N, C-alpha and C. Protein backbone atom coordinates (compact mmCIF):
# COMPACT_ATOMS: atom_id res chain seq x y z
N MET A 1 16.30 -12.06 36.70
CA MET A 1 16.44 -10.79 36.86
C MET A 1 15.11 -9.90 36.64
N ALA A 2 15.66 -8.86 37.30
CA ALA A 2 13.82 -7.71 38.08
C ALA A 2 14.13 -7.11 36.77
N SER A 3 12.60 -7.25 36.65
CA SER A 3 12.11 -6.23 34.95
C SER A 3 11.85 -4.88 35.31
N ASN A 4 11.91 -4.59 33.82
CA ASN A 4 11.99 -2.92 33.86
C ASN A 4 10.43 -2.33 34.10
N SER A 5 10.35 -1.21 34.78
CA SER A 5 9.10 -1.09 35.44
C SER A 5 9.14 0.12 33.99
N ASN A 6 9.55 0.38 33.33
CA ASN A 6 9.04 1.34 32.16
C ASN A 6 8.89 0.42 31.03
N GLN A 7 9.12 -0.40 30.96
CA GLN A 7 8.40 -1.31 29.90
C GLN A 7 7.81 -1.79 30.13
N PRO A 8 6.98 -1.71 28.59
CA PRO A 8 5.48 -2.37 28.93
C PRO A 8 5.33 -3.74 28.79
N GLN A 9 4.12 -4.21 29.64
CA GLN A 9 4.19 -5.80 29.72
C GLN A 9 3.11 -6.37 28.64
N SER A 10 2.31 -5.60 28.60
CA SER A 10 1.14 -6.31 27.14
C SER A 10 0.69 -4.87 26.37
N ILE A 11 0.12 -5.49 25.50
CA ILE A 11 -0.14 -4.56 24.76
C ILE A 11 -1.51 -3.43 25.35
N HIS A 12 -2.30 -4.69 26.20
CA HIS A 12 -3.52 -4.06 26.74
C HIS A 12 -2.96 -3.13 28.23
N ASP A 13 -1.80 -2.62 28.20
CA ASP A 13 -1.44 -1.64 28.57
C ASP A 13 -1.81 0.04 27.72
N PHE A 14 -1.72 -0.50 26.86
CA PHE A 14 -2.14 1.00 26.16
C PHE A 14 -3.35 0.91 25.88
N THR A 15 -3.99 2.33 25.88
CA THR A 15 -5.59 2.50 24.87
C THR A 15 -5.36 3.69 24.17
N VAL A 16 -5.54 3.63 22.40
CA VAL A 16 -5.20 4.21 21.84
C VAL A 16 -5.98 4.32 20.99
N LYS A 17 -6.51 5.76 20.17
CA LYS A 17 -7.50 5.71 19.10
C LYS A 17 -6.70 5.98 17.63
N LYS A 18 -7.50 5.43 16.47
CA LYS A 18 -7.08 5.57 15.55
C LYS A 18 -5.96 6.32 15.10
N ASN A 19 -6.67 7.55 15.23
CA ASN A 19 -5.90 8.99 15.02
C ASN A 19 -4.81 9.12 15.57
N LYS A 20 -4.57 8.81 16.79
CA LYS A 20 -3.46 8.88 17.26
C LYS A 20 -2.50 7.68 17.53
N GLY A 21 -2.77 6.68 16.37
CA GLY A 21 -2.06 5.58 16.69
C GLY A 21 -0.55 5.59 16.09
N ILE A 22 -0.61 6.58 15.46
CA ILE A 22 1.40 6.87 15.02
C ILE A 22 2.21 6.30 15.78
N CYS A 23 2.04 7.55 16.76
CA CYS A 23 3.01 7.45 17.96
C CYS A 23 3.35 6.37 18.40
N LEU A 24 2.16 5.53 18.61
CA LEU A 24 2.28 3.85 19.54
C LEU A 24 2.91 2.83 18.27
N ILE A 25 2.54 3.00 16.71
CA ILE A 25 3.27 2.48 16.00
C ILE A 25 4.82 2.91 15.94
N ARG A 26 5.11 3.65 16.57
CA ARG A 26 6.94 4.44 16.26
C ARG A 26 7.17 3.58 17.37
N PHE A 27 6.63 3.56 18.44
CA PHE A 27 7.03 3.10 19.46
C PHE A 27 7.65 1.39 19.45
N TRP A 28 6.47 0.78 19.25
CA TRP A 28 6.48 -0.68 19.11
C TRP A 28 7.59 -0.95 17.91
N PHE A 29 7.55 -0.38 17.06
CA PHE A 29 8.90 -0.68 16.09
C PHE A 29 10.26 -0.63 16.65
N MET A 30 10.25 0.73 17.50
CA MET A 30 11.63 0.97 17.80
C MET A 30 11.86 0.11 19.16
N ALA A 31 10.64 -0.54 19.83
CA ALA A 31 10.77 -1.72 20.95
C ALA A 31 11.26 -2.69 20.56
N TYR A 32 9.93 -3.05 19.80
CA TYR A 32 10.13 -4.86 19.39
C TYR A 32 10.08 -5.30 17.61
N GLY A 33 11.03 -4.19 16.96
CA GLY A 33 11.14 -4.58 16.02
C GLY A 33 10.28 -4.95 14.89
N GLN A 34 10.51 -6.61 14.44
CA GLN A 34 9.52 -7.10 13.47
C GLN A 34 8.27 -7.65 13.81
N ASN A 35 8.25 -7.93 15.71
CA ASN A 35 7.23 -8.23 16.35
C ASN A 35 6.30 -7.18 16.44
N ALA A 36 6.72 -5.96 15.70
CA ALA A 36 5.94 -4.46 16.18
C ALA A 36 4.76 -4.84 15.33
N ILE A 37 4.85 -5.61 13.89
CA ILE A 37 3.65 -5.73 12.89
C ILE A 37 2.50 -6.33 13.63
N CYS A 38 2.72 -7.17 14.44
CA CYS A 38 1.17 -8.27 15.01
C CYS A 38 0.70 -7.22 16.03
N ALA A 39 1.50 -6.06 16.65
CA ALA A 39 0.88 -5.41 17.93
C ALA A 39 0.20 -3.96 17.11
N VAL A 40 0.49 -3.61 16.06
CA VAL A 40 0.50 -2.88 15.27
C VAL A 40 -1.01 -2.76 14.48
N GLN A 41 -1.24 -4.37 14.38
CA GLN A 41 -2.26 -5.08 13.81
C GLN A 41 -3.25 -4.94 14.97
N LEU A 42 -2.59 -5.23 16.32
CA LEU A 42 -4.00 -5.63 16.77
C LEU A 42 -4.46 -3.87 17.85
N ILE A 43 -3.74 -3.03 17.76
CA ILE A 43 -3.85 -1.85 18.36
C ILE A 43 -5.05 -1.57 17.29
N LEU A 44 -4.45 -1.48 15.82
CA LEU A 44 -5.26 -0.71 14.92
C LEU A 44 -7.14 -1.39 14.69
N HIS A 45 -6.64 -2.52 14.57
CA HIS A 45 -7.60 -3.62 14.45
C HIS A 45 -8.62 -2.91 12.99
N LEU A 46 -7.83 -3.31 11.93
CA LEU A 46 -7.86 -2.35 10.92
C LEU A 46 -8.92 -3.03 10.30
N THR A 47 -9.90 -2.55 9.63
CA THR A 47 -11.35 -2.83 9.46
C THR A 47 -11.53 -2.20 7.75
N SER A 48 -10.13 -1.40 7.16
CA SER A 48 -10.43 -1.08 5.93
C SER A 48 -8.68 -0.34 5.46
N ILE A 49 -8.21 -0.17 4.56
CA ILE A 49 -7.25 0.26 4.18
C ILE A 49 -6.90 1.61 4.76
N LEU A 50 -7.90 2.41 4.98
CA LEU A 50 -8.16 3.89 5.49
C LEU A 50 -7.30 3.72 7.08
N ASP A 51 -7.66 2.64 7.67
CA ASP A 51 -7.08 2.65 9.10
C ASP A 51 -5.00 2.64 9.18
N ASP A 52 -4.87 2.64 7.90
CA ASP A 52 -3.28 2.49 7.83
C ASP A 52 -2.59 3.89 7.91
N PHE A 53 -1.28 3.51 7.91
CA PHE A 53 -0.32 4.57 8.06
C PHE A 53 0.58 4.30 6.82
N SER A 54 1.19 4.96 6.42
CA SER A 54 2.54 4.28 5.20
C SER A 54 3.30 5.42 5.01
N ALA A 55 4.70 5.31 4.78
CA ALA A 55 5.33 6.39 4.53
C ALA A 55 5.45 6.69 2.62
N ASP A 56 5.47 8.18 2.98
CA ASP A 56 5.69 8.10 1.11
C ASP A 56 7.29 8.02 1.13
N ALA A 57 7.50 8.70 -0.33
CA ALA A 57 8.90 8.41 -1.14
C ALA A 57 9.89 8.89 -0.40
N LYS A 58 9.77 10.04 0.78
CA LYS A 58 10.73 10.88 1.60
C LYS A 58 10.39 10.88 2.73
N GLY A 59 9.42 9.65 3.02
CA GLY A 59 9.69 9.08 4.24
C GLY A 59 8.64 9.42 5.53
N ASN A 60 7.95 10.15 5.01
CA ASN A 60 7.10 11.22 5.83
C ASN A 60 5.98 10.33 5.33
N ASP A 61 4.99 10.34 6.87
CA ASP A 61 3.85 9.33 7.28
C ASP A 61 2.59 9.97 6.88
N VAL A 62 2.18 9.27 6.02
CA VAL A 62 0.89 9.42 5.06
C VAL A 62 -0.28 8.67 5.73
N ASN A 63 -1.37 9.71 6.09
CA ASN A 63 -2.44 8.89 6.64
C ASN A 63 -3.46 8.62 6.08
N LEU A 64 -3.65 7.02 5.52
CA LEU A 64 -4.43 6.56 4.17
C LEU A 64 -5.78 7.28 4.41
N SER A 65 -6.15 8.00 5.25
CA SER A 65 -7.76 8.36 5.74
C SER A 65 -8.29 9.44 4.85
N THR A 66 -6.95 10.34 4.04
CA THR A 66 -6.78 11.30 3.41
C THR A 66 -7.97 11.02 2.56
N TYR A 67 -7.75 9.82 1.88
CA TYR A 67 -8.29 8.94 0.51
C TYR A 67 -9.60 8.69 0.89
N LYS A 68 -10.34 9.05 1.79
CA LYS A 68 -11.80 8.64 2.01
C LYS A 68 -12.53 9.18 1.43
N GLY A 69 -13.50 8.49 0.48
CA GLY A 69 -14.49 9.20 -0.54
C GLY A 69 -13.55 8.71 -2.17
N LYS A 70 -12.66 8.59 -2.43
CA LYS A 70 -11.93 8.44 -3.53
C LYS A 70 -11.68 6.70 -3.60
N VAL A 71 -11.49 6.32 -4.93
CA VAL A 71 -11.13 5.04 -5.78
C VAL A 71 -10.05 5.10 -5.93
N LEU A 72 -9.60 3.94 -5.06
CA LEU A 72 -8.11 3.57 -5.12
C LEU A 72 -7.72 2.73 -6.27
N LEU A 73 -6.62 2.25 -6.95
CA LEU A 73 -5.87 1.56 -7.26
C LEU A 73 -4.20 1.25 -6.63
N ILE A 74 -4.28 0.52 -5.77
CA ILE A 74 -2.66 0.18 -5.13
C ILE A 74 -2.10 -0.93 -6.15
N VAL A 75 -0.96 -0.55 -6.41
CA VAL A 75 -0.15 -1.13 -7.51
C VAL A 75 1.16 -1.53 -6.50
N ASN A 76 1.84 -2.25 -6.79
CA ASN A 76 3.35 -2.97 -6.16
C ASN A 76 4.33 -2.67 -7.57
N VAL A 77 5.14 -1.70 -7.56
CA VAL A 77 5.19 -1.28 -8.99
C VAL A 77 7.18 -1.95 -9.28
N ALA A 78 7.64 -1.94 -10.03
CA ALA A 78 9.05 -2.27 -10.43
C ALA A 78 9.22 -1.57 -11.88
N SER A 79 11.10 -0.53 -11.75
CA SER A 79 11.50 -0.26 -12.73
C SER A 79 11.69 -0.93 -13.89
N GLN A 80 12.25 -2.12 -13.60
CA GLN A 80 13.23 -2.97 -14.41
C GLN A 80 12.10 -4.40 -14.72
N CYS A 81 11.38 -3.75 -15.10
CA CYS A 81 10.17 -5.53 -15.31
C CYS A 81 10.06 -5.83 -16.42
N GLY A 82 9.64 -6.76 -17.13
CA GLY A 82 9.05 -6.77 -18.43
C GLY A 82 7.64 -6.12 -18.71
N LEU A 83 7.01 -5.72 -17.13
CA LEU A 83 5.80 -5.27 -17.50
C LEU A 83 5.68 -3.65 -17.14
N THR A 84 6.82 -3.20 -16.88
CA THR A 84 7.25 -1.63 -16.31
C THR A 84 6.44 -0.86 -17.48
N ASN A 85 6.88 -0.56 -18.49
CA ASN A 85 6.71 -0.12 -20.01
C ASN A 85 4.95 -0.03 -19.56
N SER A 86 4.23 -1.10 -19.84
CA SER A 86 3.31 -1.02 -20.80
C SER A 86 2.21 -0.61 -19.40
N ASN A 87 2.48 -1.26 -18.19
CA ASN A 87 1.92 -0.81 -16.90
C ASN A 87 1.30 0.78 -16.70
N TYR A 88 2.76 0.79 -16.54
CA TYR A 88 3.20 2.34 -15.95
C TYR A 88 2.59 3.59 -17.27
N THR A 89 2.49 3.29 -17.94
CA THR A 89 2.01 3.81 -19.44
C THR A 89 0.35 4.16 -19.45
N GLU A 90 -0.07 2.66 -18.71
CA GLU A 90 -1.96 2.92 -18.81
C GLU A 90 -2.14 2.64 -17.58
N LEU A 91 -1.31 3.19 -16.30
CA LEU A 91 -1.50 3.60 -15.55
C LEU A 91 -1.64 5.21 -15.58
N THR A 92 -1.04 5.48 -16.12
CA THR A 92 -0.55 7.23 -16.31
C THR A 92 -2.04 7.95 -16.83
N GLN A 93 -2.08 6.80 -18.00
CA GLN A 93 -3.65 7.06 -19.04
C GLN A 93 -4.55 7.16 -18.29
N LEU A 94 -5.01 6.41 -17.33
CA LEU A 94 -5.85 5.76 -16.20
C LEU A 94 -5.88 7.41 -15.33
N TYR A 95 -5.09 7.47 -14.92
CA TYR A 95 -5.03 8.58 -13.85
C TYR A 95 -5.31 9.69 -14.35
N GLU A 96 -4.90 10.31 -15.50
CA GLU A 96 -5.13 11.34 -16.57
C GLU A 96 -6.85 11.45 -16.71
N LYS A 97 -7.74 10.62 -17.24
CA LYS A 97 -9.09 10.49 -17.91
C LYS A 97 -9.61 10.68 -16.21
N TYR A 98 -8.66 10.29 -15.18
CA TYR A 98 -10.13 10.16 -13.90
C TYR A 98 -9.90 10.80 -12.71
N LYS A 99 -8.57 11.02 -12.47
CA LYS A 99 -8.23 11.67 -11.52
C LYS A 99 -9.10 13.33 -10.86
N ASN A 100 -9.84 14.13 -11.65
CA ASN A 100 -11.05 14.71 -11.36
C ASN A 100 -12.18 14.42 -10.97
N GLN A 101 -12.16 12.88 -10.98
CA GLN A 101 -13.67 12.48 -10.59
C GLN A 101 -13.75 11.44 -9.79
N GLY A 102 -11.91 11.38 -8.89
CA GLY A 102 -12.02 10.61 -7.65
C GLY A 102 -11.38 9.73 -7.66
N LEU A 103 -10.28 9.36 -8.45
CA LEU A 103 -9.54 7.97 -8.84
C LEU A 103 -8.08 8.41 -8.45
N GLU A 104 -7.57 7.61 -7.06
CA GLU A 104 -6.32 8.08 -6.84
C GLU A 104 -5.25 6.63 -7.35
N ILE A 105 -4.34 6.18 -7.20
CA ILE A 105 -3.42 5.80 -7.56
C ILE A 105 -1.91 5.81 -6.52
N LEU A 106 -1.93 4.58 -5.93
CA LEU A 106 -1.02 4.49 -4.90
C LEU A 106 0.05 3.55 -5.28
N ALA A 107 1.47 3.80 -5.75
CA ALA A 107 2.57 3.32 -6.14
C ALA A 107 3.36 2.96 -5.32
N PHE A 108 3.28 1.65 -4.63
CA PHE A 108 3.88 0.99 -4.04
C PHE A 108 5.54 -0.12 -4.28
N PRO A 109 6.71 0.73 -4.63
CA PRO A 109 7.84 0.12 -5.29
C PRO A 109 8.09 -1.31 -4.29
N CYS A 110 8.83 -2.43 -4.67
CA CYS A 110 9.23 -3.34 -4.04
C CYS A 110 9.96 -3.83 -5.06
N ASN A 111 11.12 -4.63 -4.60
CA ASN A 111 12.58 -5.39 -4.85
C ASN A 111 12.29 -6.99 -4.81
N GLN A 112 11.14 -7.38 -4.01
CA GLN A 112 11.15 -8.95 -4.07
C GLN A 112 10.88 -9.81 -5.19
N PHE A 113 10.64 -9.34 -6.49
CA PHE A 113 10.40 -10.41 -7.66
C PHE A 113 11.55 -9.53 -8.16
N GLY A 114 12.44 -10.61 -8.67
CA GLY A 114 13.39 -10.46 -9.71
C GLY A 114 14.86 -9.22 -9.42
N SER A 115 14.99 -8.87 -8.09
CA SER A 115 15.45 -7.60 -7.89
C SER A 115 15.29 -6.74 -8.64
N GLN A 116 13.97 -6.59 -9.52
CA GLN A 116 13.69 -5.28 -10.66
C GLN A 116 13.47 -4.05 -9.94
N GLU A 117 13.70 -3.83 -8.76
CA GLU A 117 13.49 -2.18 -8.45
C GLU A 117 14.64 -1.82 -7.38
N PRO A 118 15.91 -2.19 -7.83
CA PRO A 118 16.69 -2.01 -7.24
C PRO A 118 17.15 -0.48 -6.28
N GLY A 119 16.56 0.56 -7.26
CA GLY A 119 16.95 2.28 -7.16
C GLY A 119 16.48 2.28 -5.55
N THR A 120 16.93 3.45 -5.22
CA THR A 120 16.50 4.17 -3.81
C THR A 120 14.95 4.91 -4.28
N ASN A 121 14.70 5.50 -3.52
CA ASN A 121 13.01 6.15 -3.60
C ASN A 121 13.34 7.28 -4.11
N GLU A 122 14.64 8.04 -4.40
CA GLU A 122 14.36 9.28 -5.20
C GLU A 122 14.54 8.70 -6.85
N GLU A 123 15.36 7.59 -6.88
CA GLU A 123 15.69 7.01 -8.07
C GLU A 123 14.42 6.80 -8.79
N ILE A 124 13.74 6.01 -7.88
CA ILE A 124 12.38 5.53 -8.51
C ILE A 124 11.35 6.50 -8.70
N GLN A 125 11.31 7.53 -8.19
CA GLN A 125 10.69 8.88 -7.82
C GLN A 125 10.89 9.28 -9.50
N GLU A 126 12.27 9.88 -9.61
CA GLU A 126 12.81 10.74 -11.46
C GLU A 126 12.35 9.35 -12.19
N PHE A 127 12.42 8.09 -12.10
CA PHE A 127 12.04 7.45 -13.50
C PHE A 127 10.65 8.04 -13.82
N VAL A 128 9.95 7.24 -12.75
CA VAL A 128 8.38 7.80 -12.92
C VAL A 128 7.92 8.57 -13.62
N CYS A 129 8.55 9.87 -12.86
CA CYS A 129 7.86 10.87 -13.24
C CYS A 129 8.62 11.75 -14.13
N THR A 130 9.42 11.19 -14.67
CA THR A 130 10.39 11.97 -15.66
C THR A 130 9.47 11.03 -16.68
N ARG A 131 10.16 9.92 -16.63
CA ARG A 131 9.61 8.78 -18.00
C ARG A 131 8.24 8.61 -18.13
N PHE A 132 7.61 8.51 -17.28
CA PHE A 132 5.78 8.12 -17.32
C PHE A 132 5.25 9.17 -16.80
N LYS A 133 5.58 10.50 -16.78
CA LYS A 133 4.86 11.37 -15.95
C LYS A 133 3.93 11.54 -15.17
N ALA A 134 4.14 10.62 -14.71
CA ALA A 134 3.46 10.32 -13.16
C ALA A 134 2.98 11.11 -12.29
N GLU A 135 1.66 11.50 -12.06
CA GLU A 135 1.42 12.57 -10.93
C GLU A 135 1.28 11.94 -9.53
N TYR A 136 0.48 10.30 -9.37
CA TYR A 136 -0.12 10.11 -8.55
C TYR A 136 1.30 9.48 -7.78
N PRO A 137 1.05 9.49 -6.23
CA PRO A 137 1.89 9.53 -5.14
C PRO A 137 2.70 7.99 -5.63
N VAL A 138 3.85 7.82 -4.99
CA VAL A 138 4.75 6.72 -5.13
C VAL A 138 5.10 6.90 -3.52
N PHE A 139 4.94 5.64 -2.93
CA PHE A 139 5.43 5.42 -1.51
C PHE A 139 7.00 4.99 -1.44
N ASP A 140 7.11 4.78 -0.05
CA ASP A 140 8.31 4.47 0.30
C ASP A 140 8.70 2.92 -0.19
N LYS A 141 9.67 2.31 -0.32
CA LYS A 141 9.68 1.06 -0.97
C LYS A 141 9.43 0.16 0.25
N VAL A 142 8.66 -1.01 -0.19
CA VAL A 142 8.02 -2.16 0.95
C VAL A 142 8.46 -3.18 0.05
N ASP A 143 8.28 -4.37 1.26
CA ASP A 143 8.06 -5.47 1.18
C ASP A 143 6.80 -6.01 0.88
N VAL A 144 6.13 -6.92 -0.08
CA VAL A 144 4.73 -7.13 0.16
C VAL A 144 4.50 -8.57 0.41
N ASN A 145 5.60 -9.25 0.36
CA ASN A 145 5.14 -10.94 1.28
C ASN A 145 6.36 -10.92 2.50
N GLY A 146 6.13 -11.99 3.41
CA GLY A 146 6.90 -12.50 4.35
C GLY A 146 6.66 -11.70 5.19
N ASP A 147 7.85 -12.05 6.39
CA ASP A 147 7.73 -10.94 7.97
C ASP A 147 7.44 -9.44 8.03
N ASN A 148 8.26 -9.55 6.73
CA ASN A 148 8.61 -7.85 6.79
C ASN A 148 7.37 -6.50 6.19
N ALA A 149 6.57 -7.36 5.70
CA ALA A 149 5.60 -7.21 4.45
C ALA A 149 5.00 -6.13 5.07
N ALA A 150 5.15 -5.23 4.60
CA ALA A 150 4.41 -3.72 4.80
C ALA A 150 2.32 -4.40 5.43
N PRO A 151 2.17 -3.57 6.72
CA PRO A 151 1.02 -3.91 7.29
C PRO A 151 -0.55 -3.99 6.23
N ILE A 152 -0.06 -2.72 5.28
CA ILE A 152 -1.10 -2.39 4.30
C ILE A 152 -1.16 -3.97 3.39
N TYR A 153 -0.24 -4.11 2.78
CA TYR A 153 0.06 -5.77 1.92
C TYR A 153 -0.72 -6.70 2.83
N LYS A 154 -0.05 -6.44 3.71
CA LYS A 154 -0.31 -7.61 5.21
C LYS A 154 -1.94 -7.77 5.20
N TYR A 155 -2.73 -6.72 4.72
CA TYR A 155 -4.22 -6.39 5.10
C TYR A 155 -4.75 -6.76 4.02
N MET A 156 -4.28 -6.15 3.16
CA MET A 156 -5.03 -6.31 1.98
C MET A 156 -5.12 -7.84 0.95
N LYS A 157 -4.02 -8.69 1.68
CA LYS A 157 -3.97 -9.85 1.37
C LYS A 157 -4.78 -11.19 1.63
N SER A 158 -4.98 -10.65 3.03
CA SER A 158 -6.03 -11.48 3.92
C SER A 158 -7.33 -10.97 3.75
N VAL A 159 -8.21 -9.64 3.23
CA VAL A 159 -9.19 -9.92 2.60
C VAL A 159 -9.41 -10.46 0.78
N LYS A 160 -8.28 -10.33 0.43
CA LYS A 160 -8.45 -10.99 -0.99
C LYS A 160 -7.23 -11.67 -1.63
N GLY A 161 -7.51 -12.83 -0.91
CA GLY A 161 -6.12 -13.83 -1.70
C GLY A 161 -6.51 -14.28 -3.05
N GLY A 162 -5.01 -14.65 -3.06
CA GLY A 162 -5.05 -15.21 -5.03
C GLY A 162 -5.31 -16.27 -5.12
N LEU A 163 -5.26 -16.45 -6.55
CA LEU A 163 -5.80 -18.27 -7.21
C LEU A 163 -4.75 -18.95 -6.81
N PHE A 164 -3.97 -18.42 -6.43
CA PHE A 164 -2.83 -19.80 -6.00
C PHE A 164 -2.19 -19.53 -4.81
N GLY A 165 -3.36 -19.03 -3.91
CA GLY A 165 -2.48 -18.38 -2.14
C GLY A 165 -2.77 -17.03 -2.04
N ASP A 166 -2.37 -17.02 -1.11
CA ASP A 166 -2.33 -15.11 -0.90
C ASP A 166 -1.36 -14.19 -1.12
N ASN A 167 -0.06 -14.85 -1.13
CA ASN A 167 1.05 -13.89 -1.84
C ASN A 167 0.82 -13.47 -3.14
N ILE A 168 1.69 -12.61 -2.99
CA ILE A 168 1.32 -11.79 -4.08
C ILE A 168 2.64 -12.24 -5.20
N LYS A 169 1.86 -12.42 -6.55
CA LYS A 169 2.66 -13.03 -7.38
C LYS A 169 4.10 -12.93 -8.08
N TRP A 170 3.76 -11.50 -8.45
CA TRP A 170 5.17 -10.49 -9.33
C TRP A 170 4.57 -9.08 -9.09
N ASN A 171 5.44 -8.17 -9.81
CA ASN A 171 5.13 -6.67 -9.79
C ASN A 171 3.92 -6.66 -10.42
N PHE A 172 3.23 -5.96 -10.00
CA PHE A 172 2.34 -5.07 -10.68
C PHE A 172 1.33 -5.56 -10.50
N SER A 173 1.08 -6.31 -9.51
CA SER A 173 -0.44 -6.71 -9.34
C SER A 173 -1.13 -5.62 -8.51
N LYS A 174 -2.26 -5.69 -8.52
CA LYS A 174 -3.38 -4.57 -8.26
C LYS A 174 -4.37 -4.75 -7.17
N PHE A 175 -4.68 -4.08 -6.30
CA PHE A 175 -6.20 -3.88 -5.60
C PHE A 175 -6.85 -3.03 -6.08
N LEU A 176 -8.18 -3.27 -6.49
CA LEU A 176 -9.11 -1.68 -6.47
C LEU A 176 -9.95 -1.75 -4.79
N VAL A 177 -10.18 -0.75 -4.65
CA VAL A 177 -10.48 0.10 -3.55
C VAL A 177 -11.81 0.63 -3.79
N ASN A 178 -13.02 0.68 -2.80
CA ASN A 178 -13.89 1.28 -3.15
C ASN A 178 -13.33 2.82 -2.05
N LYS A 179 -14.92 3.81 -2.40
CA LYS A 179 -14.84 4.90 -1.52
C LYS A 179 -14.80 4.80 -0.22
N GLU A 180 -15.43 3.49 0.42
CA GLU A 180 -15.67 3.16 2.08
C GLU A 180 -14.20 2.62 2.48
N GLY A 181 -12.71 2.72 1.76
CA GLY A 181 -11.78 2.04 1.81
C GLY A 181 -12.00 0.19 1.70
N GLU A 182 -13.13 -0.07 1.04
CA GLU A 182 -13.13 -2.00 1.31
C GLU A 182 -12.71 -2.30 -0.02
N ILE A 183 -11.60 -3.15 -0.01
CA ILE A 183 -11.09 -3.92 -0.69
C ILE A 183 -12.13 -4.54 -1.99
N VAL A 184 -12.32 -4.64 -3.40
CA VAL A 184 -13.64 -4.71 -3.99
C VAL A 184 -12.81 -5.80 -5.13
N ASP A 185 -11.63 -5.84 -5.69
CA ASP A 185 -10.88 -6.45 -5.91
C ASP A 185 -9.61 -6.99 -5.58
N ARG A 186 -9.22 -7.76 -6.50
CA ARG A 186 -7.34 -8.22 -6.99
C ARG A 186 -7.25 -8.50 -8.17
N TYR A 187 -6.00 -7.89 -8.98
CA TYR A 187 -5.84 -8.26 -10.18
C TYR A 187 -4.28 -8.63 -10.40
N ALA A 188 -4.36 -9.93 -11.06
CA ALA A 188 -3.29 -10.24 -11.35
C ALA A 188 -2.04 -9.37 -11.99
N PRO A 189 -1.10 -9.52 -12.03
CA PRO A 189 0.28 -8.65 -12.54
C PRO A 189 -0.09 -8.70 -14.32
N THR A 190 -0.50 -9.64 -14.89
CA THR A 190 -0.79 -9.26 -15.98
C THR A 190 -1.92 -9.25 -16.88
N THR A 191 -3.01 -8.98 -16.01
CA THR A 191 -3.96 -7.72 -15.73
C THR A 191 -3.45 -6.36 -16.26
N SER A 192 -4.20 -5.94 -17.36
CA SER A 192 -3.20 -4.27 -17.90
C SER A 192 -4.35 -3.31 -17.22
N PRO A 193 -3.85 -2.37 -16.91
CA PRO A 193 -4.64 -1.17 -16.23
C PRO A 193 -6.09 -1.20 -16.96
N LEU A 194 -5.76 -1.07 -17.92
CA LEU A 194 -6.83 -0.34 -19.15
C LEU A 194 -8.11 -1.53 -19.10
N SER A 195 -7.70 -2.66 -18.67
CA SER A 195 -8.49 -3.47 -18.58
C SER A 195 -9.68 -3.64 -17.47
N ILE A 196 -9.56 -2.91 -16.82
CA ILE A 196 -10.43 -3.10 -15.50
C ILE A 196 -10.89 -1.60 -15.46
N GLU A 197 -10.43 -0.67 -15.96
CA GLU A 197 -11.31 0.46 -16.29
C GLU A 197 -12.90 0.65 -16.16
N LYS A 198 -13.66 0.15 -16.51
CA LYS A 198 -15.06 -0.38 -16.37
C LYS A 198 -14.94 -0.46 -15.02
N ASP A 199 -14.53 -1.04 -14.34
CA ASP A 199 -14.64 -1.18 -12.87
C ASP A 199 -14.22 -0.62 -11.74
N ILE A 200 -13.27 0.51 -12.62
CA ILE A 200 -13.01 1.35 -12.03
C ILE A 200 -13.94 2.88 -11.88
N LYS A 201 -14.70 2.59 -13.18
CA LYS A 201 -15.71 3.12 -13.41
C LYS A 201 -17.28 3.06 -12.62
N LYS A 202 -17.38 2.00 -12.92
CA LYS A 202 -18.86 1.59 -11.59
C LYS A 202 -18.64 1.89 -10.50
N LEU A 203 -17.14 2.14 -10.09
CA LEU A 203 -16.45 2.89 -8.28
C LEU A 203 -17.22 3.91 -8.29
N LEU A 204 -16.57 4.48 -9.65
CA LEU A 204 -16.48 5.82 -9.17
C LEU A 204 -18.24 6.64 -9.49
N GLU A 205 -18.91 6.02 -10.17
CA GLU A 205 -20.36 6.44 -10.33
C GLU A 205 -21.01 6.13 -9.30
N LYS A 206 -20.63 5.37 -8.00
CA LYS A 206 -21.33 4.91 -7.02
C LYS A 206 -21.34 6.22 -5.47
N ALA A 207 -22.13 6.88 -5.83
CA ALA A 207 -22.64 7.68 -4.58
C ALA A 207 -21.51 7.87 -3.20
């Protein structure tokens, strides 16, 4: 069968700067589906989460480089988990206390653990903002494990593995990221947000 001359033959056919990478990301997802994740990682050569693009709850692309200079706490969240009330309550407390000092919390809904995040993005957003008065960004629902895991989670797990393997173990696992976009620590789902306040303060105080 004759090859289609319009189809790219290899990833090396493209030269892309990171700040223009989102167009190529869309192309690879359209052309290659799940295999696009590998292509995206090769193109972007992620050295920090600030190289990543993630979709917000409304499907808009968010360039995470906009968070450069902020300390980030990244959490996979769920609305129907036994950890939901305590974690969301404490996350909101942390955010209110430190948002003006440079803390940003990025919440990524995930339905992979006990199907405890079954709602739509709109329902999740309403739940978080109404019940817990959350003002921090809630992103599009993602997978955090497996072939379809969001690129940001594939990257974070590769940098900070867990105690019993790299996979995320449950809802409300946490990654702490410094102002340069480097992953400093990873915390278990049972680690309460307030218990890592001292680690957050230490990063906020660094110039």
